[in-house]
Every structure is written in structure tokens, then in C-alpha cells.
Amino acid sequence: MTQTLEIGDDLAERLESHCEEGQSPAELIEELVSMYETEGAFLQEGYSE
């Protein structure tokens, strides 16, 4: 089942700025969700608890 998510222009531009060459914003979001499901949290460089 596919769902559509509407996002604002500002967020769309931010997503596009993080995409690798040839990667769509939808693919980036899919990758981020997969990372979150696998790791349980997003990792940030230089950050530790």
C-alpha cells in the first residue's frame, strides 16, 4: 500500500540538497527510515551521549 505525504517547499529543497547525485528525495527518505529502523536512532558525527 502506497501513501502520499505532502511536504512544504522549504523541506523539499532541504531534502534535495542532501540527496546524492541521481537520488530522489523519496529514496533519501526511504534510506533514512531504514537506517532509523536498523539503528534505533540517527547517528550524528561528533555526537555521543
C-alpha atoms as a PDB file:
ATOM      1  CA  MET A   1       0.000   0.000   0.000  1.00  0.00           C
ATOM      2  CA  THR A   2       1.461   3.331  -1.050  1.00  0.00           C
ATOM      3  CA  GLN A   3       0.715   6.512   0.833  1.00  0.00           C
ATOM      4  CA  THR A   4       1.341  10.069  -0.243  1.00  0.00           C
ATOM      5  CA  LEU A   5       2.983  12.557   2.074  1.00  0.00           C
ATOM      6  CA  GLU A   6       2.782  16.241   1.244  1.00  0.00           C
ATOM      7  CA  ILE A   7       5.676  18.413   2.373  1.00  0.00           C
ATOM      8  CA  GLY A   8       6.335  22.137   2.108  1.00  0.00           C
ATOM      9  CA  ASP A   9       8.623  23.690  -0.482  1.00  0.00           C
ATOM     10  CA  ASP A  10      11.272  24.538   2.132  1.00  0.00           C
ATOM     11  CA  LEU A  11      11.510  20.946   3.346  1.00  0.00           C
ATOM     12  CA  ALA A  12      11.562  19.650  -0.235  1.00  0.00           C
ATOM     13  CA  GLU A  13      14.521  21.922  -1.015  1.00  0.00           C
ATOM     14  CA  ARG A  14      16.328  20.797   2.130  1.00  0.00           C
ATOM     15  CA  LEU A  15      15.805  17.139   1.222  1.00  0.00           C
ATOM     16  CA  GLU A  16      17.028  17.708  -2.322  1.00  0.00           C
ATOM     17  CA  SER A  17      20.186  19.384  -1.005  1.00  0.00           C
ATOM     18  CA  HIS A  18      21.035  16.169   0.913  1.00  0.00           C
ATOM     19  CA  CYS A  19      20.425  13.792  -1.994  1.00  0.00           C
ATOM     20  CA  GLU A  20      23.355  12.157  -3.709  1.00  0.00           C
ATOM     21  CA  GLU A  21      23.656  12.505  -7.468  1.00  0.00           C
ATOM     22  CA  GLY A  22      20.794  10.629  -9.126  1.00  0.00           C
ATOM     23  CA  GLN A  23      18.967  10.065  -5.828  1.00  0.00           C
ATOM     24  CA  SER A  24      15.389  11.268  -5.407  1.00  0.00           C
ATOM     25  CA  PRO A  25      14.051  12.786  -2.185  1.00  0.00           C
ATOM     26  CA  ALA A  26      11.778   9.734  -1.821  1.00  0.00           C
ATOM     27  CA  GLU A  27      14.822   7.438  -1.998  1.00  0.00           C
ATOM     28  CA  LEU A  28      16.596   9.561   0.625  1.00  0.00           C
ATOM     29  CA  ILE A  29      13.612   9.325   2.965  1.00  0.00           C
ATOM     30  CA  GLU A  30      13.433   5.556   2.430  1.00  0.00           C
ATOM     31  CA  GLU A  31      17.139   5.280   3.286  1.00  0.00           C
ATOM     32  CA  LEU A  32      16.740   7.410   6.425  1.00  0.00           C
ATOM     33  CA  VAL A  33      13.770   5.378   7.659  1.00  0.00           C
ATOM     34  CA  SER A  34      15.663   2.148   7.027  1.00  0.00           C
ATOM     35  CA  MET A  35      18.664   3.470   8.991  1.00  0.00           C
ATOM     36  CA  TYR A  36      16.403   4.518  11.849  1.00  0.00           C
ATOM     37  CA  GLU A  37      14.701   1.120  11.964  1.00  0.00           C
ATOM     38  CA  THR A  38      18.052  -0.681  11.943  1.00  0.00           C
ATOM     39  CA  GLU A  39      19.949   1.526  14.379  1.00  0.00           C
ATOM     40  CA  GLY A  40      17.090   2.773  16.539  1.00  0.00           C
ATOM     41  CA  ALA A  41      18.283   6.352  16.165  1.00  0.00           C
ATOM     42  CA  PHE A  42      20.036   8.584  13.694  1.00  0.00           C
ATOM     43  CA  LEU A  43      23.760   8.897  14.231  1.00  0.00           C
ATOM     44  CA  GLN A  44      25.432  12.284  14.158  1.00  0.00           C
ATOM     45  CA  GLU A  45      29.140  12.769  13.624  1.00  0.00           C
ATOM     46  CA  GLY A  46      30.874  14.028  16.727  1.00  0.00           C
ATOM     47  CA  TYR A  47      27.903  13.298  18.967  1.00  0.00           C
ATOM     48  CA  SER A  48      27.989  10.902  21.870  1.00  0.00           C
ATOM     49  CA  GLU A  49      25.889  10.540  24.980  1.00  0.00           C
END
